[in-house]
Protein backbone atom coordinates (compact mmCIF):
# COMPACT_ATOMS: atom_id res chain seq x y z
CA MET A 1 96.59 96.69 127.91
CA ASP A 2 99.04 94.12 127.08
CA SER A 3 96.33 91.65 125.97
CA ILE A 4 94.80 94.28 123.87
CA ALA A 5 97.79 95.32 122.15
CA SER A 6 98.69 91.54 121.37
CA SER A 7 95.30 91.49 119.94
CA LEU A 8 95.82 94.51 117.79
CA ALA A 9 99.08 93.36 116.63
CA SER A 10 97.46 89.83 115.93
CA LEU A 11 94.76 91.54 113.91
CA TRP A 12 97.11 93.59 112.09
CA ASP A 13 99.20 90.60 110.84
CA ARG A 14 96.01 88.71 110.00
CA VAL A 15 94.82 91.45 107.76
CA PHE A 16 97.89 93.11 106.21
CA GLY A 17 100.14 89.90 106.33
CA THR A 18 100.51 87.58 103.47
CA GLN A 19 98.89 84.04 103.04
CA PRO A 20 100.13 81.08 100.98
CA ASP A 21 99.18 80.67 97.47
CA PRO A 22 96.58 78.01 96.44
CA ASP A 23 97.33 75.12 94.65
CA LEU A 24 97.15 75.50 90.73
CA TRP A 25 94.20 73.13 90.80
CA VAL A 26 92.42 75.49 93.00
CA VAL A 27 92.90 78.49 90.55
CA ILE A 28 91.80 76.61 87.66
CA ALA A 29 88.60 75.37 89.45
CA THR A 30 87.83 78.64 90.43
CA LEU A 31 88.41 79.97 86.95
CA ALA A 32 85.82 77.20 85.84
CA ALA A 33 83.34 78.30 88.42
CA ALA A 34 83.52 81.79 87.28
CA LEU A 35 82.86 80.81 83.84
CA ALA A 36 79.92 78.46 84.87
CA VAL A 37 77.91 81.61 86.17
CA THR A 38 79.10 83.95 83.45
CA VAL A 39 78.46 82.07 80.29
CA PRO A 40 74.99 80.58 80.62
CA HIS A 41 72.33 82.93 79.96
CA ASN A 42 69.81 81.72 82.76
CA VAL A 43 72.82 81.78 85.38
CA TRP A 44 74.16 85.22 84.21
CA ARG A 45 70.76 86.73 84.92
CA LEU A 46 71.30 86.02 88.67
CA SER A 47 75.04 86.54 88.98
CA ARG A 48 75.15 89.75 87.04
CA ASN A 49 73.56 91.30 89.95
CA ALA A 50 77.01 91.13 91.43
CA ILE A 51 78.63 92.98 88.39
CA THR A 52 75.70 95.61 88.62
CA ILE A 53 76.98 96.26 92.52
CA ALA A 54 80.61 97.17 91.19
CA HIS A 55 79.39 98.92 88.34
CA GLU A 56 77.15 101.21 90.46
CA GLY A 57 79.66 101.26 93.27
CA GLY A 58 82.50 102.43 90.58
CA HIS A 59 79.78 105.34 89.59
CA GLY A 60 79.50 106.37 93.27
CA LEU A 61 83.08 106.11 94.24
CA THR A 62 84.16 108.17 91.28
CA ALA A 63 81.53 110.89 92.12
CA LEU A 64 82.79 111.24 95.51
CA LEU A 65 86.62 111.25 94.41
CA THR A 66 85.72 113.98 91.73
CA GLY A 67 84.15 116.42 94.34
CA ARG A 68 80.44 115.60 93.29
CA GLN A 69 77.77 115.07 95.83
CA LEU A 70 76.55 111.52 95.95
CA THR A 71 72.73 111.22 96.62
CA GLY A 72 71.70 107.49 96.23
CA ILE A 73 72.30 104.19 94.61
CA ARG A 74 69.66 102.13 93.31
CA LEU A 75 69.76 98.10 92.29
CA HIS A 76 66.96 96.54 90.42
CA SER A 77 65.93 92.93 90.13
CA ASP A 78 66.28 93.14 86.37
CA THR A 79 70.33 93.57 87.02
CA SER A 80 70.13 97.24 86.13
CA GLY A 81 70.93 100.16 88.50
CA LEU A 82 71.00 103.94 88.78
CA THR A 83 73.55 106.16 90.80
CA LEU A 84 72.71 109.77 91.30
CA SER A 85 74.91 112.70 92.17
CA ARG A 86 74.76 116.55 92.36
CA GLY A 87 77.25 118.82 90.76
CA LYS A 88 78.07 120.20 87.25
CA PRO A 89 76.20 118.60 84.59
CA HIS A 90 79.33 118.62 82.71
CA GLY A 91 83.02 118.70 83.21
CA LEU A 92 85.89 116.12 84.00
CA GLY A 93 84.17 114.98 86.98
CA MET A 94 81.09 114.10 85.19
CA ILE A 95 82.96 112.30 82.42
CA LEU A 96 84.86 110.30 84.65
CA THR A 97 81.78 109.32 86.73
CA ALA A 98 79.99 108.43 83.65
CA ALA A 99 83.11 106.33 82.34
CA ALA A 100 83.40 104.42 85.97
CA GLY A 101 80.82 102.16 85.51
CA TYR A 102 81.73 99.57 82.59
CA THR A 103 85.19 99.88 83.76
CA ALA A 104 84.67 99.26 87.59
CA PRO A 105 84.26 95.32 87.65
CA PRO A 106 87.13 94.26 85.42
CA LEU A 107 89.60 97.07 87.13
CA LEU A 108 88.24 95.83 90.58
CA GLY A 109 89.35 92.44 89.12
CA LEU A 110 92.58 93.42 88.21
CA GLY A 111 93.48 95.38 91.47
CA GLY A 112 92.12 92.08 93.29
CA ALA A 113 94.56 90.00 90.95
CA ALA A 114 97.45 92.31 92.01
CA LEU A 115 96.71 91.58 95.85
CA LEU A 116 96.22 87.81 95.36
CA ALA A 117 99.72 87.57 93.20
CA ALA A 118 101.18 89.65 96.22
CA GLY A 119 99.71 86.94 98.75
CA HIS A 120 97.17 89.38 100.48
CA ILE A 121 94.14 87.31 100.33
CA THR A 122 92.51 88.26 103.61
CA LEU A 123 93.17 92.17 102.91
CA LEU A 124 91.36 91.57 99.59
CA LEU A 125 88.39 90.06 101.42
CA TRP A 126 88.46 92.96 104.19
CA LEU A 127 88.68 95.89 101.83
CA ALA A 128 85.64 94.49 99.60
CA THR A 129 83.64 93.96 102.75
CA ALA A 130 84.49 97.74 103.84
CA LEU A 131 83.45 98.71 100.27
CA LEU A 132 80.18 96.97 100.43
CA VAL A 133 79.33 98.50 103.82
CA ALA A 134 80.06 101.80 102.60
CA MET A 135 78.07 101.18 99.48
CA LEU A 136 75.09 100.16 101.82
CA VAL A 137 74.94 103.55 103.23
CA MET A 138 73.80 105.09 99.93
CA ILE A 139 71.65 102.49 98.82
CA ARG A 140 68.24 103.78 98.52
CA ASN A 141 65.94 100.86 97.61
CA ALA A 142 64.84 97.59 99.33
CA TYR A 143 66.12 95.20 96.65
CA GLY A 144 69.36 96.97 96.36
CA ALA A 145 69.94 97.07 100.27
CA LEU A 146 69.22 93.25 100.38
CA THR A 147 71.30 92.35 97.80
CA VAL A 148 74.37 94.38 99.20
CA LEU A 149 73.77 92.91 102.55
CA VAL A 150 73.94 89.36 101.60
CA THR A 151 77.07 90.01 99.16
CA GLY A 152 78.53 92.07 102.18
CA GLY A 153 77.80 89.28 104.82
CA THR A 154 79.35 86.34 102.61
CA PHE A 155 82.50 88.28 102.50
CA LEU A 156 82.40 88.84 106.33
CA LEU A 157 81.71 85.52 107.13
CA VAL A 158 84.35 84.25 104.73
CA SER A 159 86.91 86.70 105.92
CA TRP A 160 86.22 86.13 109.78
CA LEU A 161 85.29 82.38 110.09
CA ALA A 162 86.49 80.57 107.12
CA GLY A 163 89.98 78.71 107.05
CA PRO A 164 92.90 79.90 104.83
CA GLN A 165 91.87 77.49 102.21
CA VAL A 166 88.57 78.30 102.01
CA GLN A 167 89.19 82.06 102.20
CA ALA A 168 91.85 81.74 99.07
CA ALA A 169 89.20 79.66 96.99
CA PHE A 170 86.55 82.15 97.57
CA ALA A 171 88.99 85.33 96.97
CA TYR A 172 89.98 83.59 93.69
CA ALA A 173 86.46 82.89 92.65
CA VAL A 174 85.65 86.50 93.20
CA VAL A 175 88.41 87.96 91.32
CA TRP A 176 87.99 85.69 88.39
CA PHE A 177 84.26 86.54 88.35
CA LEU A 178 85.10 90.28 88.46
CA LEU A 179 87.72 89.80 85.33
CA VAL A 180 85.41 87.28 83.48
CA GLY A 181 82.05 88.83 84.25
CA GLY A 182 83.49 92.35 83.57
CA VAL A 183 83.80 91.34 79.72
CA ARG A 184 80.33 90.54 79.03
CA PRO A 185 78.32 93.59 79.83
CA ALA A 186 80.32 95.76 76.92
CA PHE A 187 79.03 93.10 74.69
CA GLU A 188 75.65 93.39 75.60
CA LEU A 189 75.51 97.14 75.29
CA GLN A 190 76.99 96.69 71.81
CA ALA A 191 74.40 94.44 70.89
CA LYS A 192 71.52 96.53 72.25
CA ARG A 193 72.68 99.65 70.48
CA ALA A 194 73.06 97.68 67.54
CA ARG A 195 69.38 96.98 67.80
CA GLY A 196 68.51 100.50 68.35
CA GLY A 197 68.14 100.07 72.03
CA ALA A 198 69.82 101.61 75.06
CA GLY A 199 69.91 105.35 73.73
CA ASP A 200 70.89 106.69 77.44
CA SER A 201 73.70 104.32 78.01
CA ASP A 202 76.97 105.29 79.62
CA ALA A 203 78.36 105.29 76.47
CA ASP A 204 75.76 107.79 75.07
CA GLN A 205 75.86 109.93 77.94
CA LEU A 206 79.74 110.20 77.38
CA SER A 207 79.21 111.03 73.89
CA ARG A 208 77.01 113.92 74.74
CA LEU A 209 79.58 115.11 77.40
CA THR A 210 82.65 114.87 74.86
CA HIS A 211 81.30 114.98 71.47
CA VAL A 212 83.28 111.88 71.01
CA PRO A 213 81.33 109.24 69.21
CA ALA A 214 79.64 106.65 71.42
CA GLY A 215 81.47 103.73 69.54
CA LEU A 216 84.83 104.80 70.78
CA TRP A 217 83.53 104.78 74.43
CA LEU A 218 82.28 101.29 73.87
CA PHE A 219 85.69 100.75 72.35
CA LEU A 220 87.19 101.65 75.60
CA PHE A 221 85.04 99.77 77.64
CA HIS A 222 86.16 96.65 75.61
CA ALA A 223 89.79 97.64 75.85
CA VAL A 224 89.70 98.04 79.75
CA SER A 225 87.76 94.90 80.46
CA LEU A 226 89.76 92.57 77.70
CA CYS A 227 93.27 93.99 79.05
CA SER A 228 92.32 93.65 82.61
CA LEU A 229 91.15 89.72 82.13
CA MET A 230 94.67 89.40 80.23
CA GLY A 231 96.66 90.89 82.77
CA GLY A 232 94.74 89.92 85.75
CA GLY A 233 94.64 86.18 84.60
CA ARG A 234 98.28 86.17 83.94
CA TRP A 235 98.79 87.21 87.37
CA LEU A 236 96.49 84.55 88.94
CA LEU A 237 97.90 81.86 87.08
CA GLU A 238 101.71 82.56 88.07
CA VAL A 239 100.87 80.42 91.43
């Protein structure tokens, strides 16, 4: 019993304890890595899958928190996704669920930056793994399941097997990617709408639900992502 208690105490300290901040050069290098997989179009076509996971996960989690019944999530190879839930087709729950997609990646990045600023590197990795496992249960297509499995498996391996320096570099890279990568989708949506496309986008759905112009919802997406980048970036750079 003493050994079990000691192991549990050690695990608790490992997960909820604090870890030392990485050197500034590591923070800068992980920012550069995030930019390298976000800015070039060809690379972004692949890395955007991770943003889609966060986007659809935001829809799904908000649906559950607002009392809707989450029925499934699908992730597609073209980096699009679909989250289905049951409940009233209008009202606050539906509005919050629709608004959670584009705002989820930058807000997750902001929350991750807060954890890293407090030194909770391992906790961040474990929380991300838990969210991915929970999301996997609701995935309803093979490509989506494979994507979430690979992503969750990577987090699990790093959080369980890697040393403190590797964990820190990985965590900072992930958070920078959510912050930087969370900005681009709103601009992509704006460009599609300017060309007359994306008529059933989250912004257009929110417009129908609230009778507020879609452009204002698009402005909200921009405001959340850019403010999260500025606030989260400031926290990450204060090492």
